[in-house]
Structure formats: structure tokens, C-alpha cells
Protein backbone atom coordinates (compact mmCIF):
# COMPACT_ATOMS: atom_id res chain seq x y z
CA MET A 1 138.80 49.33 172.97
CA LEU A 2 136.31 52.22 172.86
CA TYR A 3 132.78 52.09 171.41
CA SER A 4 130.87 55.12 170.30
CA PRO A 5 127.54 55.83 172.11
CA LEU A 6 125.62 55.40 168.86
CA ARG A 7 127.00 51.94 168.15
CA PHE A 8 126.46 50.86 171.75
CA SER A 9 122.85 52.06 171.72
CA SER A 10 122.04 50.22 168.47
CA LEU A 11 123.59 47.01 169.80
CA THR A 12 121.56 47.24 173.02
CA VAL A 13 118.25 47.66 171.16
CA ALA A 14 119.02 44.71 168.89
CA LEU A 15 119.83 42.46 171.85
CA TRP A 16 116.66 43.54 173.68
CA LEU A 17 114.41 42.70 170.70
CA ALA A 18 116.10 39.32 170.27
CA ALA A 19 115.66 38.48 173.96
CA SER A 20 111.98 39.52 174.13
CA PRO A 21 110.00 37.46 171.55
CA SER A 22 106.81 37.84 173.59
CA GLN A 23 106.82 41.57 172.88
CA ALA A 24 106.40 41.08 169.12
CA VAL A 25 103.27 42.68 167.63
CA GLU A 26 101.02 40.41 165.56
CA LEU A 27 99.30 42.25 162.71
CA GLU A 28 95.75 41.38 161.66
CA PRO A 29 95.34 39.97 158.14
CA GLN A 30 94.57 42.64 155.53
CA VAL A 31 92.27 41.77 152.60
CA ILE A 32 92.75 43.89 149.47
CA THR A 33 90.21 43.68 146.67
CA ALA A 34 89.93 45.41 143.29
CA ASN A 35 86.54 46.91 144.16
CA PRO A 36 86.88 49.32 147.12
CA LEU A 37 83.20 50.28 147.07
CA GLY A 38 82.02 46.71 147.62
CA ASN A 39 79.64 46.85 144.63
CA SER A 40 78.71 43.51 143.08
CA GLN A 41 78.31 45.07 139.61
CA LEU A 42 81.33 45.31 137.35
CA ALA A 43 80.37 48.80 136.23
CA ALA A 44 77.60 50.94 137.63
CA PRO A 45 75.21 52.09 134.87
CA SER A 46 75.10 55.79 134.19
CA THR A 47 71.47 55.72 133.00
CA VAL A 48 68.69 53.31 133.96
CA LEU A 49 65.24 53.10 132.37
CA GLU A 50 62.56 50.99 134.02
CA GLY A 51 58.96 51.10 135.16
CA ASP A 52 56.79 54.02 134.09
CA ASN A 53 59.79 55.95 132.77
CA LEU A 54 60.61 53.14 130.34
CA LEU A 55 56.95 52.80 129.35
CA GLN A 56 56.74 56.47 128.40
CA GLN A 57 59.94 56.33 126.33
CA GLN A 58 59.14 53.13 124.42
CA HIS A 59 59.19 53.30 120.63
CA GLY A 60 59.42 50.83 117.79
CA SER A 61 63.18 50.32 118.08
CA LEU A 62 65.87 50.37 120.73
CA GLY A 63 67.56 53.44 119.25
CA GLU A 64 64.37 55.51 119.30
CA THR A 65 63.58 54.37 122.84
CA LEU A 66 66.94 55.68 124.11
CA ASN A 67 67.08 58.71 121.82
CA LYS A 68 66.22 61.26 124.54
CA GLN A 69 68.73 60.02 127.11
CA PRO A 70 71.83 62.14 127.88
CA GLY A 71 74.57 61.54 125.33
CA VAL A 72 72.48 59.06 123.30
CA ALA A 73 71.17 59.52 119.76
CA SER A 74 69.67 57.22 117.15
CA THR A 75 70.82 56.09 113.70
CA TRP A 76 67.19 55.89 112.46
CA PHE A 77 67.26 53.82 109.30
CA GLY A 78 63.50 53.61 109.05
CA PRO A 79 60.85 53.02 111.74
CA GLY A 80 62.02 49.48 112.49
CA ALA A 81 65.81 49.70 112.14
CA SER A 82 67.50 52.00 114.60
CA ARG A 83 70.53 51.48 116.83
CA PRO A 84 71.66 53.73 119.70
CA VAL A 85 74.52 56.17 119.13
CA ILE A 86 76.46 57.02 122.30
CA ARG A 87 78.62 60.16 122.23
CA GLY A 88 78.94 60.02 118.47
CA LEU A 89 80.04 56.36 118.37
CA ASP A 90 77.84 53.65 116.89
CA GLY A 91 78.01 50.36 115.05
CA ASP A 92 80.49 47.85 116.41
CA ARG A 93 81.72 50.41 118.97
CA ILE A 94 78.48 50.02 120.94
CA ARG A 95 78.00 46.74 122.81
CA ILE A 96 74.38 45.52 122.86
CA LEU A 97 73.67 43.00 125.63
CA ARG A 98 70.57 41.00 126.44
CA ASN A 99 70.40 39.87 130.05
CA GLY A 100 74.15 40.40 130.25
CA VAL A 101 74.88 38.27 127.16
CA GLY A 102 75.98 39.74 123.84
CA ALA A 103 73.25 40.02 121.21
CA LEU A 104 74.73 38.66 117.97
CA ASP A 105 73.09 40.34 114.99
CA ALA A 106 73.94 42.09 111.74
CA SER A 107 72.86 45.57 112.84
CA SER A 108 76.36 46.43 114.09
CA LEU A 109 77.77 45.91 110.58
CA SER A 110 74.82 46.93 108.41
CA TYR A 111 72.72 49.74 109.84
CA ASP A 112 69.59 48.89 107.86
CA HIS A 113 69.15 45.74 109.99
CA ALA A 114 67.06 45.90 113.13
CA VAL A 115 68.31 45.12 116.62
CA PRO A 116 66.93 41.65 117.52
CA LEU A 117 64.80 42.75 120.48
CA ASP A 118 61.55 44.60 120.96
CA PRO A 119 61.59 47.38 123.57
CA VAL A 120 58.00 46.50 124.49
CA THR A 121 59.08 43.22 126.10
CA VAL A 122 62.01 44.80 127.98
CA ASP A 123 61.66 45.40 131.74
CA ARG A 124 64.86 47.39 132.30
CA VAL A 125 67.52 49.13 130.19
CA GLU A 126 70.96 50.09 131.51
CA ILE A 127 73.42 52.36 129.70
CA VAL A 128 77.10 52.31 130.66
CA ARG A 129 79.32 55.11 129.36
CA GLY A 130 82.90 56.17 129.94
CA PRO A 131 85.97 54.06 130.85
CA ALA A 132 83.84 51.52 132.76
CA ALA A 133 82.41 50.29 129.44
CA LEU A 134 85.80 48.79 128.54
CA LEU A 135 85.16 46.06 131.11
CA TYR A 136 82.82 44.54 128.52
CA GLY A 137 85.45 44.26 125.78
CA GLY A 138 87.30 46.35 123.23
CA ASN A 139 84.29 46.82 120.97
CA ALA A 140 82.46 48.60 123.82
CA ILE A 141 84.64 51.69 123.56
CA GLY A 142 81.57 53.83 122.88
CA GLY A 143 79.36 52.35 125.57
CA VAL A 144 77.16 49.44 126.59
CA VAL A 145 73.39 49.01 126.37
CA ASN A 146 72.17 46.13 128.52
CA THR A 147 68.50 45.10 128.38
CA PHE A 148 66.68 42.79 130.78
CA ASP A 149 63.48 40.96 129.83
CA ASN A 150 63.31 38.43 132.70
CA ARG A 151 63.86 35.48 130.39
CA ILE A 152 66.43 34.51 132.99
CA PRO A 153 64.53 35.22 136.24
CA ASP A 154 66.55 36.67 139.11
CA ALA A 155 63.94 35.75 141.74
CA PRO A 156 61.56 32.79 142.27
CA ILE A 157 58.25 33.10 140.44
CA GLU A 158 55.11 32.06 142.25
CA GLY A 159 51.85 31.61 140.37
CA ILE A 160 50.99 33.00 136.96
CA HIS A 161 51.73 36.56 135.85
CA GLY A 162 51.31 38.28 132.52
CA ALA A 163 51.22 41.61 130.71
CA GLY A 164 50.22 42.88 127.29
CA GLU A 165 50.23 46.04 125.22
CA LEU A 166 48.63 47.33 122.02
CA ARG A 167 49.69 50.45 120.11
CA TYR A 168 48.34 52.22 117.06
CA GLY A 169 49.11 55.54 115.42
CA GLY A 170 51.94 57.80 114.37
CA ALA A 171 53.08 59.16 111.03
CA ASP A 172 53.84 55.63 109.85
CA THR A 173 50.59 54.13 111.25
CA THR A 174 52.37 51.83 113.67
CA ARG A 175 50.42 48.73 114.65
CA SER A 176 52.11 46.76 117.39
CA SER A 177 51.14 44.17 119.94
CA ALA A 178 53.20 42.44 122.60
CA GLY A 179 52.59 40.18 125.53
CA LYS A 180 54.38 37.99 128.03
CA LEU A 181 53.39 35.20 130.39
CA GLU A 182 55.34 33.92 133.38
CA ALA A 183 54.52 30.98 135.60
CA GLY A 184 56.35 29.15 138.35
CA ASN A 185 56.15 27.29 141.65
CA GLY A 186 59.19 28.78 143.35
CA ALA A 187 61.57 26.12 142.04
CA PHE A 188 60.81 26.15 138.31
CA ALA A 189 59.95 29.10 136.08
CA LEU A 190 58.39 29.40 132.63
CA HIS A 191 58.64 32.55 130.51
CA LEU A 192 56.85 33.19 127.22
CA ASP A 193 56.83 36.42 125.23
CA ALA A 194 55.76 37.39 121.73
CA ASN A 195 55.47 40.61 119.76
CA SER A 196 54.38 41.84 116.36
CA ARG A 197 54.96 45.22 114.74
CA GLN A 198 53.90 46.62 111.37
CA PHE A 199 54.54 49.98 109.71
CA ASN A 200 53.16 51.84 106.72
CA ASP A 201 54.89 54.44 104.58
CA LEU A 202 55.55 57.74 106.30
CA ARG A 203 52.94 60.39 105.58
CA ILE A 204 53.18 64.18 105.83
CA PRO A 205 50.48 66.84 105.48
CA GLY A 206 50.12 68.24 101.96
CA TYR A 207 52.68 67.58 99.26
CA ALA A 208 56.45 67.37 99.41
CA ARG A 209 58.25 69.84 97.13
CA SER A 210 61.92 69.97 96.29
CA ALA A 211 63.76 72.63 94.31
CA LYS A 212 65.93 71.48 91.44
CA VAL A 213 69.58 72.39 91.71
CA ARG A 214 71.08 73.59 88.44
């Protein structure tokens, strides 16, 4: 009986591999994760306001504070009621977070309600736009605005720290005051903050005139 060279060669290789178990190659374990960049954040913010930059942009509402950021506008329903508009989307399409937790308020359904936070007491504001915002839920299709006020400290607090601010002026004669106090011994932390803001009617130079349409 004759065997072809190809069949004989394949049979020889198979017998050699079966007779040489010590020649087997052991592969190292491979770990595959869903985050190839190794970033601990779910979605990297596209815009961050903090420090002196945040202090210079602060206004009476969250929408006015973020109004000059790329792709962000403001609804502006009066000096005290203003939500951010991201790429033309607002209302329930914008997710407002406070220290990573959703801020439940009526401003997403009725625009004449104010967002329940004062930008004066905020230490950091992060804006997430684009597809990464969908990680925070379906109602974040427009974007996410996450504010941090250190009510949940991310580092031990030693001693007593505090800050305060007073503001006066503007076309609506804004009168605002805010302050915060933090104390701790490295194991326990105490955070207190308070704010007050008052507005008058908007004033313009001279008299307002409007033409009657017939």
C-alpha cells in the first residue's frame, strides 16, 4: 500500500507532537478590560472649571456661570433661574449631578425654577459632552454637568478651614453672600455651608420704548 508524501508528513508531525508533551508552549494569562486607557473615571470631562477660573466665571446661577464655555448656553429665566444648555439641548436632556449624585429638582421640567445649588459654594465643575455622556443614563443625551462642593470629602481634613464671599452690583443690584466651614481630625470631617442671594428689578439707562405694531 502506497502513501502520498503529504499524508506521511502530516502523520509524522502529529506523532511527534503527541510524543513530546514537554515541548508544549504555556501562554501567559491575558487580562482584557473595558477601559484600555486605565482611567478610573467613567468618562473624562471635556471642560473643567476650578480655582481662579471658576471664581472669575461665577454668576448667580449655574447656567450663567457656564454660559461662556464651548458649546454651552443658558436658558436665562431671570437672574436666579437659569439652567445650562449644551449643544442646543436642555431640560431633561441635561443631567445635573452634585458630587456624582443626581440633583432632583423641578428645573428640568419647569424652566422658571432654579437649580438647587449655588455656584459660589462649588469648588469644581465638570462638563461631559458627546457619546460619553450616555454612561450617565438616557436622559443625559445632551450632556452632563457635575459639580463638587466637598460635602463628601475626598481627602482627610486636618484642622479648621473656611472661606467666604460677598458680592454687590449689576443691573439687578445683586446682593449675595456665601461661606463654608470645614473641620476634621483626619478620621472625621465636618462640612457647613450657607448662602443667600437677593435681586432687584432689572434697570436700564433712560426709558424703554416700543413701537406699536398695527
